[in-house]
Protein backbone atom coordinates (compact mmCIF):
# COMPACT_ATOMS: atom_id res chain seq x y z
CA MET A 1 0.00 0.00 0.00
CA THR A 2 2.84 2.43 0.84
CA ASP A 3 4.48 1.77 -2.53
CA ASP A 4 1.18 2.51 -4.30
CA PHE A 5 0.80 5.75 -2.33
CA GLU A 6 4.31 6.92 -3.18
CA GLN A 7 3.95 5.95 -6.84
CA ARG A 8 0.68 7.86 -7.13
CA ASN A 9 2.34 10.91 -5.57
CA ARG A 10 5.28 10.71 -7.98
CA GLU A 11 2.95 10.55 -10.95
CA PHE A 12 0.92 13.56 -9.84
CA VAL A 13 4.06 15.59 -9.06
CA GLU A 14 5.42 14.86 -12.52
CA ARG A 15 2.14 15.89 -14.10
CA MET A 16 2.03 19.11 -12.06
CA GLY A 17 5.55 19.97 -13.16
CA ALA A 18 4.55 19.54 -16.79
CA ASP A 19 1.39 21.66 -16.47
CA ASP A 20 2.39 24.97 -18.08
CA ASP A 21 -0.91 26.65 -17.20
CA LEU A 22 -0.52 25.78 -13.52
CA ARG A 23 3.07 27.01 -13.49
CA HIS A 24 1.97 30.27 -15.11
CA LEU A 25 -0.72 30.75 -12.47
CA THR A 26 1.87 30.05 -9.78
CA ARG A 27 4.19 32.78 -11.10
CA GLU A 28 1.30 35.25 -11.31
CA TRP A 29 0.32 34.48 -7.74
CA PHE A 30 3.93 34.79 -6.59
CA ALA A 31 4.35 38.23 -8.15
CA ALA A 32 0.99 39.44 -6.78
CA SER A 33 1.57 38.19 -3.22
CA SER A 34 5.08 39.67 -3.12
CA LYS A 35 3.54 43.15 -3.22
CA TYR A 36 2.47 42.43 0.36
CA GLU A 37 5.88 41.04 1.43
CA TYR A 38 4.30 37.61 1.80
CA SER A 39 7.49 35.88 2.95
CA TYR A 40 7.93 38.30 5.85
CA HIS A 41 4.79 37.19 7.67
CA PHE A 42 6.02 33.87 9.12
CA LYS A 43 8.04 32.94 12.19
CA TRP A 44 9.81 29.80 13.33
CA LEU A 45 9.83 29.30 17.09
CA GLY A 46 9.41 33.01 17.62
CA ARG A 47 11.91 34.40 15.10
CA PRO A 48 10.97 35.82 11.66
CA ILE A 49 12.12 33.28 9.08
CA ILE A 50 11.49 35.31 5.89
CA GLN A 51 10.83 32.25 3.73
CA PHE A 52 7.85 30.79 1.95
CA PRO A 53 6.20 27.99 3.99
CA GLN A 54 6.56 25.66 1.01
CA ASP A 55 10.34 26.04 0.98
CA ILE A 56 10.47 25.50 4.74
CA VAL A 57 8.70 22.15 4.25
CA ALA A 58 11.12 21.23 1.45
CA LEU A 59 14.11 21.99 3.67
CA GLN A 60 12.58 19.87 6.42
CA GLU A 61 12.37 16.91 4.04
CA ILE A 62 15.95 17.45 2.85
CA ILE A 63 17.34 17.69 6.38
CA ASN A 64 15.50 14.54 7.40
CA GLU A 65 16.85 12.71 4.36
CA VAL A 66 20.44 13.95 4.52
CA ARG A 67 20.76 14.10 8.33
CA PRO A 68 23.59 16.64 8.15
CA GLN A 69 26.06 17.13 10.94
CA LEU A 70 26.58 20.70 9.76
CA ILE A 71 24.30 23.20 8.03
CA ILE A 72 26.00 26.30 6.60
CA GLU A 73 23.76 29.27 5.82
CA THR A 74 24.82 32.48 4.13
CA GLY A 75 22.46 35.28 5.12
CA ILE A 76 21.09 35.50 8.67
CA ALA A 77 18.61 38.43 8.64
CA ARG A 78 16.46 38.02 11.78
CA GLY A 79 17.63 34.50 12.50
CA GLY A 80 14.51 32.42 11.90
CA SER A 81 16.21 30.21 9.37
CA LEU A 82 19.08 29.47 11.78
CA ILE A 83 16.57 28.57 14.48
CA PHE A 84 14.68 26.36 12.01
CA SER A 85 17.83 24.45 11.05
CA ALA A 86 18.88 24.11 14.69
CA SER A 87 15.43 22.81 15.65
CA MET A 88 15.56 20.17 12.92
CA LEU A 89 18.97 19.01 14.12
CA GLU A 90 17.65 18.96 17.68
CA LEU A 91 14.80 16.68 16.62
CA LEU A 92 17.15 14.36 14.78
CA GLY A 93 19.43 14.08 17.81
CA GLY A 94 23.20 14.05 17.87
CA ASN A 95 25.55 17.00 17.84
CA GLY A 96 24.58 18.69 14.57
CA ARG A 97 25.43 22.37 14.30
CA VAL A 98 24.52 25.42 12.22
CA ILE A 99 26.91 28.11 10.99
CA GLY A 100 25.33 31.39 9.88
CA ILE A 101 27.26 34.04 7.94
CA ASP A 102 26.14 37.60 7.30
CA ILE A 103 27.84 40.80 6.18
CA GLU A 104 26.09 42.57 9.07
CA ILE A 105 24.52 40.91 12.10
CA ARG A 106 22.43 43.59 13.74
CA SER A 107 22.83 43.70 17.50
CA HIS A 108 19.14 43.19 18.34
CA ASN A 109 18.98 40.14 16.09
CA ARG A 110 22.16 38.70 17.58
CA VAL A 111 20.77 39.16 21.09
CA GLU A 112 17.53 37.35 20.24
CA ILE A 113 19.32 34.48 18.51
CA GLU A 114 21.85 34.05 21.32
CA ARG A 115 19.12 33.97 23.98
CA HIS A 116 17.15 31.28 22.14
CA PRO A 117 17.14 27.80 23.76
CA LEU A 118 18.68 26.34 20.57
CA ALA A 119 21.54 28.85 20.46
CA ARG A 120 23.98 26.17 21.67
CA ARG A 121 23.80 24.64 18.19
CA ILE A 122 24.43 27.92 16.37
CA THR A 123 27.63 29.76 15.46
CA MET A 124 27.36 33.20 13.82
CA ILE A 125 30.13 34.76 11.75
CA GLU A 126 29.98 38.38 10.65
CA GLY A 127 31.51 39.23 7.29
CA SER A 128 31.14 38.57 3.60
CA SER A 129 30.50 34.92 2.75
CA VAL A 130 32.99 35.20 -0.14
CA ASP A 131 35.79 36.73 1.92
CA GLU A 132 38.64 34.20 2.06
CA LYS A 133 39.28 34.94 5.74
CA ILE A 134 35.62 34.35 6.56
CA PHE A 135 35.66 31.12 4.57
CA ASP A 136 38.74 29.98 6.47
CA ARG A 137 36.82 30.54 9.72
CA VAL A 138 33.95 28.45 8.34
CA LEU A 139 36.37 25.64 7.51
CA HIS A 140 37.83 25.85 11.01
CA GLU A 141 34.38 25.70 12.58
CA ALA A 142 33.35 22.85 10.26
CA ASP A 143 36.33 20.79 11.43
CA GLY A 144 35.63 17.86 9.11
CA SER A 145 31.89 17.60 9.85
CA GLU A 146 30.02 15.32 7.46
CA PRO A 147 27.48 15.37 5.89
CA VAL A 148 27.25 19.10 5.18
CA LEU A 149 24.20 20.94 3.82
CA VAL A 150 24.73 24.43 2.36
CA ILE A 151 22.02 27.08 1.97
CA LEU A 152 22.86 30.26 0.05
CA ASP A 153 20.63 33.25 0.77
CA SER A 154 22.71 36.42 1.03
CA ASP A 155 23.64 38.83 -1.79
CA HIS A 156 21.59 37.69 -4.80
CA THR A 157 23.80 39.10 -7.57
CA HIS A 158 25.22 36.76 -10.20
CA ALA A 159 28.87 37.36 -9.30
CA HIS A 160 28.36 36.91 -5.56
CA VAL A 161 26.31 33.71 -5.83
CA LEU A 162 28.67 32.23 -8.41
CA ARG A 163 31.60 32.82 -6.06
CA GLU A 164 29.65 31.27 -3.17
CA LEU A 165 28.93 28.23 -5.34
CA GLU A 166 32.59 27.86 -6.23
CA MET A 167 33.76 28.21 -2.63
CA TYR A 168 31.15 26.20 -0.70
CA SER A 169 30.24 23.42 -3.15
CA PRO A 170 33.34 21.32 -2.31
CA LEU A 171 31.99 20.97 1.24
CA VAL A 172 28.89 19.15 -0.04
CA HIS A 173 29.23 15.47 -0.85
CA ARG A 174 27.12 12.94 -2.71
CA GLY A 175 23.56 12.67 -1.46
CA SER A 176 23.47 16.08 0.20
CA TYR A 177 22.23 19.39 -1.19
CA LEU A 178 23.36 22.88 -2.00
CA VAL A 179 20.24 25.06 -1.89
CA VAL A 180 20.24 28.44 -3.63
CA PHE A 181 17.36 30.74 -2.72
CA ASP A 182 15.75 33.55 -4.73
CA THR A 183 16.39 32.06 -8.16
CA VAL A 184 12.80 33.16 -8.80
CA ILE A 185 14.18 36.64 -9.54
CA ALA A 186 15.00 35.34 -13.04
CA GLU A 187 11.30 34.72 -13.67
CA MET A 188 9.98 38.03 -12.39
CA PRO A 189 9.37 41.14 -14.53
CA ASP A 190 11.87 43.96 -14.86
CA GLY A 191 11.74 46.30 -11.88
CA PHE A 192 10.45 43.58 -9.54
CA SER A 193 13.45 43.97 -7.21
CA GLY A 194 13.23 47.75 -7.07
CA GLU A 195 16.58 49.47 -6.53
CA ARG A 196 18.39 46.31 -5.48
CA PRO A 197 21.29 45.31 -7.75
CA TRP A 198 19.83 41.98 -8.88
CA SER A 199 17.50 41.61 -11.86
CA PRO A 200 16.16 38.99 -14.33
CA ASP A 201 19.60 39.02 -15.99
CA ASN A 202 21.70 39.19 -12.83
CA ASN A 203 20.60 36.76 -10.13
CA PRO A 204 21.16 33.40 -8.43
CA LYS A 205 19.68 31.41 -11.33
CA THR A 206 22.06 32.91 -13.87
CA ALA A 207 24.89 32.04 -11.46
CA ILE A 208 23.68 28.43 -11.20
CA ARG A 209 23.55 28.09 -14.98
CA GLU A 210 27.15 29.24 -15.29
CA PHE A 211 28.26 27.09 -12.37
CA LEU A 212 26.73 23.92 -13.82
CA LYS A 213 28.49 24.42 -17.15
CA THR A 214 31.78 23.41 -15.55
CA ASN A 215 30.67 21.41 -12.49
CA ASP A 216 29.17 17.95 -13.00
CA ARG A 217 28.97 17.10 -9.30
CA PHE A 218 25.52 18.68 -8.98
CA GLU A 219 22.20 18.46 -10.74
CA VAL A 220 18.97 20.38 -10.27
CA ASP A 221 16.45 18.27 -8.34
CA ARG A 222 13.37 19.18 -10.38
CA THR A 223 11.08 16.96 -8.33
CA ILE A 224 11.24 19.43 -5.44
CA GLU A 225 10.03 22.46 -7.39
CA ASP A 226 7.49 20.32 -9.28
CA LYS A 227 6.07 19.32 -5.91
CA LEU A 228 6.14 22.78 -4.37
CA LEU A 229 5.14 24.88 -7.37
CA ILE A 230 5.19 27.92 -5.06
CA THR A 231 8.89 28.42 -4.26
CA VAL A 232 11.50 31.16 -4.22
CA ALA A 233 14.05 28.63 -5.47
CA PRO A 234 12.99 27.18 -8.86
CA GLY A 235 16.07 25.43 -10.21
CA GLY A 236 17.82 26.16 -6.92
CA TYR A 237 17.68 22.78 -5.19
CA LEU A 238 21.00 21.26 -6.25
CA ARG A 239 21.64 17.65 -5.33
CA CYS A 240 25.21 16.43 -5.19
CA ILE A 241 25.58 13.29 -7.32
CA LYS A 242 29.36 12.82 -7.21
CA ASP A 243 32.02 12.97 -4.50
């Protein structure tokens, strides 16, 4: 019975992914809801997570499957994502840890994260995720942890994300994931991002495309976005297929 259930789900997910009309409606809804800062309205254990609920569920499934000993996140914001990752590791047991990196960790956010009951699993590093000195600190903190899951959600420009992909991808081994958020920028109309430096031609998805031209260790896991439909990361769930 379980096999029948899973097979039926796989078939429907595949059909959803191939439904161009449904995907078009999804993009229209995404653009319309973003006018109201939809992703800002959710919290995880008290901290704003600034993610779509659908992507939170996808990350939960990935963490349960991979069972990482270390989750590296670029971009901290208000800390909800760090708390989410720490809570998943807490549920799985063991000594799993989270490293969060941000160019600026505002003092009030740091205070709230550090006072959280799950703070013992979290290390925060202030600085650019593509600074070699910051990366060396990440490597020191990682200290050979395995498996590693990487989540990129900081500066969304092509050059920055491409450099992050080049630097952090070697830490991810076969069976784990490198998740790149906000690839949806590539599918939004001109002017969607306002005065921010990213655009439909300069964003995380364009960086992924360039990265995958020369790196065969990763492939886009299309089944995740086909299942979610509503996601900030279409084409951004990269599964490592080679060590």
